[in-house]
Amino acid sequence: MFGKGIVEGVGNGSWWAMVTMATVGYGDKAPKSASGRIVAICWMIFSMVFIANFTANIASSLTISGLKGKVRGFNDLYNARVGAIPRSEGFDFLTRQGVTVIPVENNQKGLLAVASKEIDAFVQDDNILKYLVKSEFPGKVHVLPETFDEYFVGIALPQQSSLRKSLNIALLKFMQTQKWTELHNRYLK
């Protein structure tokens, strides 16, 4: 069926492979030998798996992008309704970056606005968001893994305080304990 020279055989074989993969097979070309039929069966199975996998990937990609929401990274904030607490580090950072920010009274109201889709995103300290989402909004709001701007939080002590060194040592020691790991995992992950 696919003989009559190399060029014509390859052409006929290619035609048969394409119509088989497209699942329209005209029946005008079919292998006759046992080895040809084995190759044909393998090609048909491969074609079905390939098309099914391709279709599933497209469908899951579209579904996941729809489920993730409007904001998936920092650049999405420019075209989203973004809330933050006025005079907070997040509000100031977004303003410096040129993102339009909607003032929100507090963390709970910001997260509630995201959950009720009044705003698309709420920007606040990573640890605060993780704790509040886990404790008050589980399954309703998602914290993105990306950190936009790092800043440091400190403890204020009087000038030349005798507590400074002992407090630093105590904090560093505590951060190396299992209890710290448990607290971190419990409230911040």
N, C-alpha and C. Protein backbone atom coordinates (compact mmCIF):
# COMPACT_ATOMS: atom_id res chain seq x y z
N MET A 1 0.82 -1.20 0.00
CA MET A 1 0.00 0.00 0.00
C MET A 1 0.86 1.26 0.00
N PHE A 2 2.04 1.18 0.69
CA PHE A 2 2.90 2.36 0.78
C PHE A 2 4.17 2.20 -0.04
N GLY A 3 4.15 1.29 -0.97
CA GLY A 3 5.33 1.01 -1.78
C GLY A 3 5.47 1.99 -2.93
N LYS A 4 5.88 1.48 -4.08
CA LYS A 4 6.06 2.26 -5.31
C LYS A 4 7.16 3.31 -5.15
N GLY A 5 8.21 2.96 -4.48
CA GLY A 5 9.35 3.87 -4.34
C GLY A 5 9.33 4.63 -3.02
N ILE A 6 10.50 5.11 -2.65
CA ILE A 6 10.67 5.77 -1.36
C ILE A 6 9.85 7.05 -1.27
N VAL A 7 9.93 7.89 -2.25
CA VAL A 7 9.24 9.19 -2.20
C VAL A 7 7.73 9.01 -2.11
N GLU A 8 7.18 8.17 -2.96
CA GLU A 8 5.74 7.95 -2.95
C GLU A 8 5.32 7.21 -1.67
N GLY A 9 6.14 6.25 -1.22
CA GLY A 9 5.83 5.51 0.01
C GLY A 9 5.81 6.42 1.23
N VAL A 10 6.81 7.33 1.34
CA VAL A 10 6.85 8.27 2.46
C VAL A 10 5.67 9.24 2.36
N GLY A 11 5.35 9.68 1.16
CA GLY A 11 4.21 10.59 0.97
C GLY A 11 2.90 9.93 1.38
N ASN A 12 2.68 8.69 0.91
CA ASN A 12 1.47 7.96 1.28
C ASN A 12 1.42 7.66 2.78
N GLY A 13 2.56 7.30 3.35
CA GLY A 13 2.63 7.03 4.79
C GLY A 13 2.34 8.28 5.62
N SER A 14 2.86 9.41 5.17
CA SER A 14 2.62 10.68 5.87
C SER A 14 1.14 11.05 5.80
N TRP A 15 0.55 10.87 4.60
CA TRP A 15 -0.88 11.16 4.45
C TRP A 15 -1.69 10.28 5.39
N TRP A 16 -1.40 8.99 5.43
CA TRP A 16 -2.13 8.07 6.30
C TRP A 16 -1.94 8.46 7.77
N ALA A 17 -0.71 8.82 8.17
CA ALA A 17 -0.44 9.19 9.57
C ALA A 17 -1.24 10.43 9.97
N MET A 18 -1.30 11.42 9.09
CA MET A 18 -2.02 12.65 9.40
C MET A 18 -3.52 12.42 9.52
N VAL A 19 -4.11 11.68 8.60
CA VAL A 19 -5.55 11.46 8.68
C VAL A 19 -5.89 10.56 9.87
N THR A 20 -4.97 9.68 10.24
CA THR A 20 -5.19 8.84 11.42
C THR A 20 -5.11 9.68 12.69
N MET A 21 -4.10 10.55 12.78
CA MET A 21 -3.95 11.39 13.96
C MET A 21 -5.12 12.36 14.07
N ALA A 22 -5.64 12.82 12.98
CA ALA A 22 -6.78 13.73 13.00
C ALA A 22 -8.08 12.98 13.22
N THR A 23 -8.00 11.68 13.37
CA THR A 23 -9.13 10.77 13.62
C THR A 23 -10.22 10.84 12.55
N VAL A 24 -9.84 11.19 11.32
CA VAL A 24 -10.83 11.21 10.25
C VAL A 24 -10.62 10.07 9.27
N GLY A 25 -9.52 9.34 9.35
CA GLY A 25 -9.12 8.26 8.47
C GLY A 25 -10.09 7.95 7.33
N TYR A 26 -9.65 8.14 6.11
CA TYR A 26 -10.51 7.94 4.94
C TYR A 26 -10.66 6.48 4.54
N GLY A 27 -9.77 5.63 4.98
CA GLY A 27 -9.84 4.23 4.58
C GLY A 27 -9.23 3.95 3.23
N ASP A 28 -8.74 5.00 2.56
CA ASP A 28 -8.12 4.80 1.25
C ASP A 28 -6.72 4.25 1.37
N LYS A 29 -6.10 4.41 2.51
CA LYS A 29 -4.76 3.89 2.75
C LYS A 29 -4.78 3.13 4.07
N ALA A 30 -4.23 1.94 4.06
CA ALA A 30 -4.15 1.14 5.28
C ALA A 30 -3.01 0.15 5.13
N PRO A 31 -2.25 -0.07 6.21
CA PRO A 31 -1.17 -1.05 6.13
C PRO A 31 -1.73 -2.47 6.01
N LYS A 32 -1.02 -3.31 5.25
CA LYS A 32 -1.50 -4.68 5.03
C LYS A 32 -0.65 -5.71 5.77
N SER A 33 0.64 -5.44 5.97
CA SER A 33 1.51 -6.41 6.63
C SER A 33 1.34 -6.34 8.15
N ALA A 34 1.74 -7.41 8.85
CA ALA A 34 1.62 -7.46 10.32
C ALA A 34 2.47 -6.37 10.97
N SER A 35 3.69 -6.18 10.49
CA SER A 35 4.55 -5.14 11.08
C SER A 35 3.99 -3.75 10.81
N GLY A 36 3.41 -3.54 9.64
CA GLY A 36 2.78 -2.26 9.31
C GLY A 36 1.58 -1.98 10.20
N ARG A 37 0.81 -3.01 10.51
CA ARG A 37 -0.35 -2.85 11.38
C ARG A 37 0.07 -2.56 12.82
N ILE A 38 1.16 -3.16 13.26
CA ILE A 38 1.67 -2.89 14.61
C ILE A 38 2.11 -1.43 14.72
N VAL A 39 2.82 -0.97 13.70
CA VAL A 39 3.23 0.45 13.67
C VAL A 39 1.98 1.33 13.66
N ALA A 40 0.97 0.93 12.87
CA ALA A 40 -0.27 1.71 12.79
C ALA A 40 -0.98 1.78 14.13
N ILE A 41 -1.05 0.67 14.84
CA ILE A 41 -1.69 0.65 16.17
C ILE A 41 -0.93 1.56 17.12
N CYS A 42 0.41 1.47 17.12
CA CYS A 42 1.22 2.34 17.98
C CYS A 42 0.99 3.81 17.64
N TRP A 43 0.92 4.12 16.34
CA TRP A 43 0.70 5.50 15.90
C TRP A 43 -0.68 5.99 16.35
N MET A 44 -1.69 5.15 16.25
CA MET A 44 -3.04 5.54 16.65
C MET A 44 -3.11 5.80 18.16
N ILE A 45 -2.49 4.92 18.95
CA ILE A 45 -2.49 5.12 20.41
C ILE A 45 -1.73 6.39 20.76
N PHE A 46 -0.55 6.57 20.16
CA PHE A 46 0.22 7.79 20.40
C PHE A 46 -0.61 9.02 20.04
N SER A 47 -1.31 8.97 18.90
CA SER A 47 -2.11 10.11 18.44
C SER A 47 -3.20 10.44 19.44
N MET A 48 -3.90 9.42 19.94
CA MET A 48 -4.97 9.66 20.91
C MET A 48 -4.42 10.26 22.20
N VAL A 49 -3.33 9.70 22.70
CA VAL A 49 -2.73 10.20 23.94
C VAL A 49 -2.22 11.63 23.74
N PHE A 50 -1.59 11.89 22.61
CA PHE A 50 -1.06 13.22 22.32
C PHE A 50 -2.19 14.26 22.28
N ILE A 51 -3.24 13.98 21.53
CA ILE A 51 -4.35 14.92 21.40
C ILE A 51 -5.05 15.10 22.75
N ALA A 52 -5.27 14.01 23.49
CA ALA A 52 -5.93 14.12 24.80
C ALA A 52 -5.08 14.94 25.76
N ASN A 53 -3.77 14.71 25.77
CA ASN A 53 -2.87 15.45 26.66
C ASN A 53 -2.83 16.93 26.28
N PHE A 54 -2.76 17.21 25.01
CA PHE A 54 -2.74 18.59 24.52
C PHE A 54 -4.02 19.32 24.93
N THR A 55 -5.15 18.68 24.74
CA THR A 55 -6.44 19.28 25.10
C THR A 55 -6.54 19.48 26.61
N ALA A 56 -6.10 18.50 27.38
CA ALA A 56 -6.15 18.61 28.84
C ALA A 56 -5.26 19.73 29.35
N ASN A 57 -4.08 19.88 28.76
CA ASN A 57 -3.18 20.97 29.17
C ASN A 57 -3.78 22.34 28.91
N ILE A 58 -4.39 22.50 27.76
CA ILE A 58 -5.02 23.79 27.45
C ILE A 58 -6.18 24.05 28.41
N ALA A 59 -7.01 23.05 28.64
CA ALA A 59 -8.17 23.22 29.53
C ALA A 59 -7.73 23.53 30.96
N SER A 60 -6.73 22.81 31.46
CA SER A 60 -6.28 23.06 32.84
C SER A 60 -5.59 24.41 32.96
N SER A 61 -4.87 24.81 31.93
CA SER A 61 -4.22 26.11 31.95
C SER A 61 -5.25 27.23 32.02
N LEU A 62 -6.30 27.12 31.23
CA LEU A 62 -7.36 28.12 31.25
C LEU A 62 -8.10 28.12 32.59
N THR A 63 -8.33 26.95 33.14
CA THR A 63 -9.03 26.84 34.42
C THR A 63 -8.20 27.44 35.54
N ILE A 64 -6.92 27.11 35.59
CA ILE A 64 -6.04 27.61 36.65
C ILE A 64 -5.91 29.12 36.57
N SER A 65 -5.75 29.66 35.37
CA SER A 65 -5.63 31.11 35.26
C SER A 65 -6.91 31.79 35.71
N GLY A 66 -8.05 31.16 35.49
CA GLY A 66 -9.31 31.73 35.96
C GLY A 66 -9.46 31.64 37.46
N LEU A 67 -8.92 30.59 38.08
CA LEU A 67 -9.04 30.40 39.52
C LEU A 67 -8.08 31.26 40.31
N LYS A 68 -6.95 31.59 39.75
CA LYS A 68 -5.93 32.32 40.49
C LYS A 68 -6.33 33.76 40.79
N GLY A 69 -7.22 34.30 40.06
CA GLY A 69 -7.64 35.66 40.31
C GLY A 69 -6.91 36.65 39.42
N LYS A 70 -7.27 37.89 39.60
CA LYS A 70 -6.76 38.95 38.75
C LYS A 70 -5.31 39.29 39.05
N VAL A 71 -4.89 39.18 40.30
CA VAL A 71 -3.54 39.56 40.70
C VAL A 71 -2.72 38.31 40.97
N ARG A 72 -1.67 38.13 40.18
CA ARG A 72 -0.77 36.98 40.34
C ARG A 72 0.66 37.41 40.60
N GLY A 73 0.91 38.72 40.52
CA GLY A 73 2.25 39.25 40.75
C GLY A 73 2.19 40.76 40.83
N PHE A 74 3.34 41.37 41.12
CA PHE A 74 3.38 42.81 41.35
C PHE A 74 2.87 43.61 40.15
N ASN A 75 3.25 43.24 38.94
CA ASN A 75 2.86 44.02 37.76
C ASN A 75 1.35 44.05 37.54
N ASP A 76 0.63 43.07 38.08
CA ASP A 76 -0.82 43.06 37.95
C ASP A 76 -1.48 44.15 38.80
N LEU A 77 -0.75 44.67 39.80
CA LEU A 77 -1.32 45.69 40.69
C LEU A 77 -1.64 47.00 39.97
N TYR A 78 -0.94 47.28 38.88
CA TYR A 78 -1.18 48.53 38.16
C TYR A 78 -2.57 48.58 37.52
N ASN A 79 -3.15 47.43 37.24
CA ASN A 79 -4.47 47.36 36.60
C ASN A 79 -5.50 46.73 37.52
N ALA A 80 -5.30 46.85 38.82
CA ALA A 80 -6.20 46.22 39.78
C ALA A 80 -6.65 47.24 40.83
N ARG A 81 -7.71 46.87 41.52
CA ARG A 81 -8.16 47.68 42.66
C ARG A 81 -7.39 47.18 43.88
N VAL A 82 -6.45 48.00 44.37
CA VAL A 82 -5.53 47.59 45.43
C VAL A 82 -5.80 48.41 46.69
N GLY A 83 -5.92 47.71 47.81
CA GLY A 83 -6.14 48.38 49.08
C GLY A 83 -4.92 48.27 49.97
N ALA A 84 -4.75 49.28 50.84
CA ALA A 84 -3.69 49.26 51.85
C ALA A 84 -4.07 50.26 52.94
N ILE A 85 -3.48 50.07 54.11
CA ILE A 85 -3.74 50.97 55.23
C ILE A 85 -2.92 52.25 55.04
N PRO A 86 -3.58 53.42 55.08
CA PRO A 86 -2.84 54.67 54.91
C PRO A 86 -1.70 54.80 55.93
N ARG A 87 -0.61 55.41 55.49
CA ARG A 87 0.59 55.64 56.28
C ARG A 87 1.29 54.32 56.69
N SER A 88 0.93 53.21 56.05
CA SER A 88 1.64 51.95 56.31
C SER A 88 2.79 51.83 55.32
N GLU A 89 3.71 50.94 55.58
CA GLU A 89 4.84 50.71 54.68
C GLU A 89 4.34 50.27 53.30
N GLY A 90 3.32 49.41 53.27
CA GLY A 90 2.78 48.93 51.99
C GLY A 90 2.14 50.05 51.19
N PHE A 91 1.37 50.90 51.86
CA PHE A 91 0.71 52.03 51.18
C PHE A 91 1.76 52.96 50.58
N ASP A 92 2.77 53.29 51.38
CA ASP A 92 3.82 54.20 50.92
C ASP A 92 4.61 53.58 49.76
N PHE A 93 4.92 52.30 49.85
CA PHE A 93 5.66 51.62 48.79
C PHE A 93 4.87 51.64 47.48
N LEU A 94 3.60 51.28 47.55
CA LEU A 94 2.77 51.26 46.34
C LEU A 94 2.67 52.65 45.72
N THR A 95 2.51 53.66 46.55
CA THR A 95 2.43 55.03 46.06
C THR A 95 3.72 55.43 45.36
N ARG A 96 4.87 55.07 45.95
CA ARG A 96 6.16 55.37 45.30
C ARG A 96 6.30 54.67 43.97
N GLN A 97 5.68 53.50 43.83
CA GLN A 97 5.77 52.73 42.58
C GLN A 97 4.74 53.17 41.55
N GLY A 98 3.86 54.10 41.91
CA GLY A 98 2.86 54.59 40.97
C GLY A 98 1.60 53.75 40.90
N VAL A 99 1.38 52.91 41.88
CA VAL A 99 0.16 52.09 41.92
C VAL A 99 -0.93 52.89 42.63
N THR A 100 -2.11 52.93 42.06
CA THR A 100 -3.24 53.61 42.69
C THR A 100 -3.73 52.76 43.85
N VAL A 101 -3.82 53.38 45.03
CA VAL A 101 -4.15 52.63 46.24
C VAL A 101 -5.46 53.14 46.83
N ILE A 102 -6.31 52.21 47.22
CA ILE A 102 -7.56 52.53 47.90
C ILE A 102 -7.31 52.44 49.40
N PRO A 103 -7.53 53.50 50.15
CA PRO A 103 -7.31 53.44 51.61
C PRO A 103 -8.29 52.48 52.28
N VAL A 104 -7.76 51.63 53.15
CA VAL A 104 -8.56 50.67 53.91
C VAL A 104 -8.25 50.90 55.38
N GLU A 105 -9.28 50.87 56.22
CA GLU A 105 -9.15 51.23 57.62
C GLU A 105 -8.21 50.32 58.43
N ASN A 106 -8.34 49.00 58.24
CA ASN A 106 -7.50 48.06 59.00
C ASN A 106 -7.33 46.75 58.23
N ASN A 107 -6.55 45.85 58.80
CA ASN A 107 -6.24 44.58 58.13
C ASN A 107 -7.49 43.74 57.87
N GLN A 108 -8.33 43.60 58.87
CA GLN A 108 -9.52 42.76 58.72
C GLN A 108 -10.43 43.31 57.62
N LYS A 109 -10.62 44.63 57.59
CA LYS A 109 -11.47 45.21 56.55
C LYS A 109 -10.84 45.05 55.16
N GLY A 110 -9.53 45.13 55.09
CA GLY A 110 -8.84 44.92 53.82
C GLY A 110 -9.03 43.50 53.31
N LEU A 111 -8.85 42.52 54.18
CA LEU A 111 -9.00 41.13 53.77
C LEU A 111 -10.47 40.80 53.48
N LEU A 112 -11.37 41.39 54.24
CA LEU A 112 -12.80 41.20 53.98
C LEU A 112 -13.17 41.78 52.61
N ALA A 113 -12.58 42.92 52.26
CA ALA A 113 -12.83 43.54 50.95
C ALA A 113 -12.32 42.64 49.82
N VAL A 114 -11.19 41.97 50.04
CA VAL A 114 -10.69 41.03 49.03
C VAL A 114 -11.62 39.82 48.93
N ALA A 115 -12.02 39.29 50.08
CA ALA A 115 -12.89 38.11 50.09
C ALA A 115 -14.23 38.40 49.43
N SER A 116 -14.74 39.62 49.59
CA SER A 116 -16.03 39.98 48.99
C SER A 116 -15.87 40.61 47.60
N LYS A 117 -14.64 40.61 47.10
CA LYS A 117 -14.30 41.10 45.75
C LYS A 117 -14.57 42.59 45.54
N GLU A 118 -14.56 43.36 46.64
CA GLU A 118 -14.66 44.82 46.52
C GLU A 118 -13.35 45.38 45.99
N ILE A 119 -12.23 44.72 46.37
CA ILE A 119 -10.92 45.06 45.84
C ILE A 119 -10.27 43.77 45.35
N ASP A 120 -9.26 43.92 44.50
CA ASP A 120 -8.59 42.74 43.94
C ASP A 120 -7.43 42.27 44.79
N ALA A 121 -6.83 43.18 45.57
CA ALA A 121 -5.67 42.83 46.38
C ALA A 121 -5.58 43.76 47.57
N PHE A 122 -4.99 43.25 48.64
CA PHE A 122 -4.72 44.04 49.83
C PHE A 122 -3.25 43.85 50.16
N VAL A 123 -2.52 44.96 50.28
CA VAL A 123 -1.07 44.89 50.51
C VAL A 123 -0.79 45.23 51.96
N GLN A 124 -0.05 44.35 52.60
CA GLN A 124 0.32 44.52 54.01
C GLN A 124 1.54 43.65 54.29
N ASP A 125 2.08 43.74 55.47
CA ASP A 125 3.22 42.93 55.88
C ASP A 125 2.90 41.44 55.68
N ASP A 126 3.86 40.73 55.11
CA ASP A 126 3.72 39.32 54.78
C ASP A 126 3.30 38.48 55.99
N ASN A 127 3.96 38.65 57.11
CA ASN A 127 3.66 37.84 58.29
C ASN A 127 2.28 38.14 58.85
N ILE A 128 1.89 39.39 58.84
CA ILE A 128 0.55 39.75 59.31
C ILE A 128 -0.51 39.11 58.43
N LEU A 129 -0.31 39.22 57.11
CA LEU A 129 -1.28 38.63 56.18
C LEU A 129 -1.38 37.12 56.35
N LYS A 130 -0.25 36.45 56.44
CA LYS A 130 -0.27 34.99 56.59
C LYS A 130 -1.02 34.58 57.85
N TYR A 131 -0.75 35.28 58.94
CA TYR A 131 -1.42 34.95 60.20
C TYR A 131 -2.93 35.18 60.10
N LEU A 132 -3.34 36.36 59.60
CA LEU A 132 -4.76 36.68 59.53
C LEU A 132 -5.51 35.79 58.54
N VAL A 133 -4.89 35.50 57.41
CA VAL A 133 -5.54 34.62 56.43
C VAL A 133 -5.73 33.24 57.02
N LYS A 134 -4.72 32.75 57.71
CA LYS A 134 -4.80 31.40 58.30
C LYS A 134 -5.81 31.35 59.44
N SER A 135 -5.87 32.40 60.25
CA SER A 135 -6.74 32.36 61.43
C SER A 135 -8.16 32.87 61.16
N GLU A 136 -8.33 33.86 60.27
CA GLU A 136 -9.65 34.47 60.10
C GLU A 136 -10.26 34.31 58.72
N PHE A 137 -9.44 34.01 57.71
CA PHE A 137 -9.96 33.91 56.35
C PHE A 137 -9.49 32.64 55.63
N PRO A 138 -9.47 31.49 56.30
CA PRO A 138 -8.95 30.30 55.61
C PRO A 138 -9.84 29.90 54.44
N GLY A 139 -9.21 29.65 53.30
CA GLY A 139 -9.92 29.24 52.10
C GLY A 139 -10.63 30.36 51.36
N LYS A 140 -10.61 31.58 51.91
CA LYS A 140 -11.31 32.70 51.27
C LYS A 140 -10.36 33.64 50.57
N VAL A 141 -9.14 33.74 51.08
CA VAL A 141 -8.14 34.67 50.57
C VAL A 141 -6.82 33.91 50.45
N HIS A 142 -6.03 34.27 49.46
CA HIS A 142 -4.74 33.61 49.21
C HIS A 142 -3.63 34.66 49.30
N VAL A 143 -2.55 34.35 50.03
CA VAL A 143 -1.39 35.25 50.12
C VAL A 143 -0.39 34.82 49.06
N LEU A 144 -0.02 35.75 48.19
CA LEU A 144 0.96 35.45 47.15
C LEU A 144 2.32 35.19 47.79
N PRO A 145 3.12 34.29 47.23
CA PRO A 145 4.43 33.99 47.81
C PRO A 145 5.46 35.09 47.56
N GLU A 146 5.17 36.00 46.68
CA GLU A 146 6.13 37.04 46.30
C GLU A 146 6.18 38.14 47.35
N THR A 147 7.40 38.58 47.68
CA THR A 147 7.60 39.73 48.56
C THR A 147 7.97 40.91 47.69
N PHE A 148 7.25 42.02 47.84
CA PHE A 148 7.47 43.18 46.98
C PHE A 148 8.56 44.09 47.50
N ASP A 149 8.60 44.29 48.80
CA ASP A 149 9.56 45.23 49.37
C ASP A 149 9.89 44.75 50.78
N GLU A 150 11.16 44.59 51.06
CA GLU A 150 11.55 44.16 52.40
C GLU A 150 11.84 45.37 53.27
N TYR A 151 11.40 45.32 54.48
CA TYR A 151 11.73 46.36 55.44
C TYR A 151 11.93 45.69 56.78
N PHE A 152 12.56 46.38 57.67
CA PHE A 152 12.90 45.80 58.96
C PHE A 152 12.06 46.40 60.06
N VAL A 153 11.71 45.56 61.01
CA VAL A 153 10.93 45.98 62.17
C VAL A 153 11.86 45.89 63.36
N GLY A 154 11.83 46.88 64.22
CA GLY A 154 12.74 46.88 65.36
C GLY A 154 12.00 47.06 66.67
N ILE A 155 12.75 46.94 67.73
CA ILE A 155 12.25 47.17 69.08
C ILE A 155 12.93 48.43 69.60
N ALA A 156 12.16 49.38 70.09
CA ALA A 156 12.72 50.63 70.60
C ALA A 156 13.10 50.48 72.07
N LEU A 157 14.31 50.90 72.38
CA LEU A 157 14.81 50.90 73.76
C LEU A 157 15.41 52.27 74.05
N PRO A 158 15.45 52.65 75.31
CA PRO A 158 16.11 53.92 75.64
C PRO A 158 17.60 53.88 75.23
N GLN A 159 18.16 55.05 74.96
CA GLN A 159 19.58 55.17 74.59
C GLN A 159 20.43 54.50 75.68
N GLN A 160 21.43 53.75 75.27
CA GLN A 160 22.38 53.09 76.17
C GLN A 160 21.68 52.11 77.13
N SER A 161 20.59 51.49 76.70
CA SER A 161 19.86 50.56 77.57
C SER A 161 20.69 49.32 77.85
N SER A 162 20.66 48.89 79.08
CA SER A 162 21.38 47.67 79.45
C SER A 162 20.66 46.42 78.93
N LEU A 163 19.43 46.58 78.49
CA LEU A 163 18.65 45.44 77.98
C LEU A 163 19.00 45.07 76.54
N ARG A 164 19.63 45.98 75.81
CA ARG A 164 19.85 45.77 74.38
C ARG A 164 20.60 44.47 74.09
N LYS A 165 21.74 44.28 74.69
CA LYS A 165 22.55 43.09 74.41
C LYS A 165 21.84 41.82 74.86
N SER A 166 21.29 41.83 76.06
CA SER A 166 20.63 40.62 76.57
C SER A 166 19.36 40.29 75.77
N LEU A 167 18.65 41.32 75.33
CA LEU A 167 17.46 41.10 74.51
C LEU A 167 17.84 40.51 73.14
N ASN A 168 18.86 41.04 72.52
CA ASN A 168 19.33 40.49 71.24
C ASN A 168 19.76 39.04 71.37
N ILE A 169 20.52 38.75 72.39
CA ILE A 169 20.99 37.37 72.62
C ILE A 169 19.81 36.44 72.86
N ALA A 170 18.86 36.89 73.69
CA ALA A 170 17.68 36.07 73.99
C ALA A 170 16.86 35.79 72.72
N LEU A 171 16.67 36.82 71.89
CA LEU A 171 15.91 36.64 70.65
C LEU A 171 16.63 35.68 69.69
N LEU A 172 17.93 35.85 69.54
CA LEU A 172 18.69 34.97 68.65
C LEU A 172 18.66 33.52 69.14
N LYS A 173 18.79 33.32 70.44
CA LYS A 173 18.73 31.96 71.01
C LYS A 173 17.35 31.35 70.80
N PHE A 174 16.30 32.17 71.04
CA PHE A 174 14.94 31.66 70.88
C PHE A 174 14.66 31.27 69.44
N MET A 175 15.19 32.04 68.49
CA MET A 175 14.95 31.75 67.08
C MET A 175 15.63 30.45 66.63
N GLN A 176 16.49 29.89 67.44
CA GLN A 176 17.15 28.63 67.09
C GLN A 176 16.49 27.43 67.77
N THR A 177 15.40 27.65 68.50
CA THR A 177 14.73 26.57 69.22
C THR A 177 13.61 25.96 68.39
N GLN A 178 13.19 24.79 68.82
CA GLN A 178 12.06 24.10 68.19
C GLN A 178 10.77 24.89 68.42
N LYS A 179 10.65 25.53 69.57
CA LYS A 179 9.46 26.32 69.89
C LYS A 179 9.28 27.44 68.87
N TRP A 180 10.37 28.13 68.49
CA TRP A 180 10.29 29.19 67.48
C TRP A 180 9.79 28.62 66.15
N THR A 181 10.35 27.47 65.76
CA THR A 181 9.94 26.82 64.51
C THR A 181 8.45 26.48 64.56
N GLU A 182 7.99 25.95 65.69
CA GLU A 182 6.58 25.60 65.84
C GLU A 182 5.69 26.85 65.75
N LEU A 183 6.08 27.91 66.43
CA LEU A 183 5.29 29.16 66.38
C LEU A 183 5.28 29.73 64.97
N HIS A 184 6.44 29.74 64.34
CA HIS A 184 6.54 30.25 62.97
C HIS A 184 5.64 29.47 62.04
N ASN A 185 5.70 28.14 62.10
CA ASN A 185 4.89 27.29 61.23
C ASN A 185 3.40 27.41 61.57
N ARG A 186 3.09 27.57 62.83
CA ARG A 186 1.70 27.64 63.27
C ARG A 186 1.02 28.94 62.82
N TYR A 187 1.72 30.05 62.93
CA TYR A 187 1.09 31.33 62.68
C TYR A 187 1.48 31.99 61.37
N LEU A 188 2.60 31.61 60.79
CA LEU A 188 3.08 32.35 59.64
C LEU A 188 3.17 31.55 58.35
N LYS A 189 2.92 30.28 58.38
CA LYS A 189 2.97 29.48 57.14
C LYS A 189 1.61 29.06 56.72
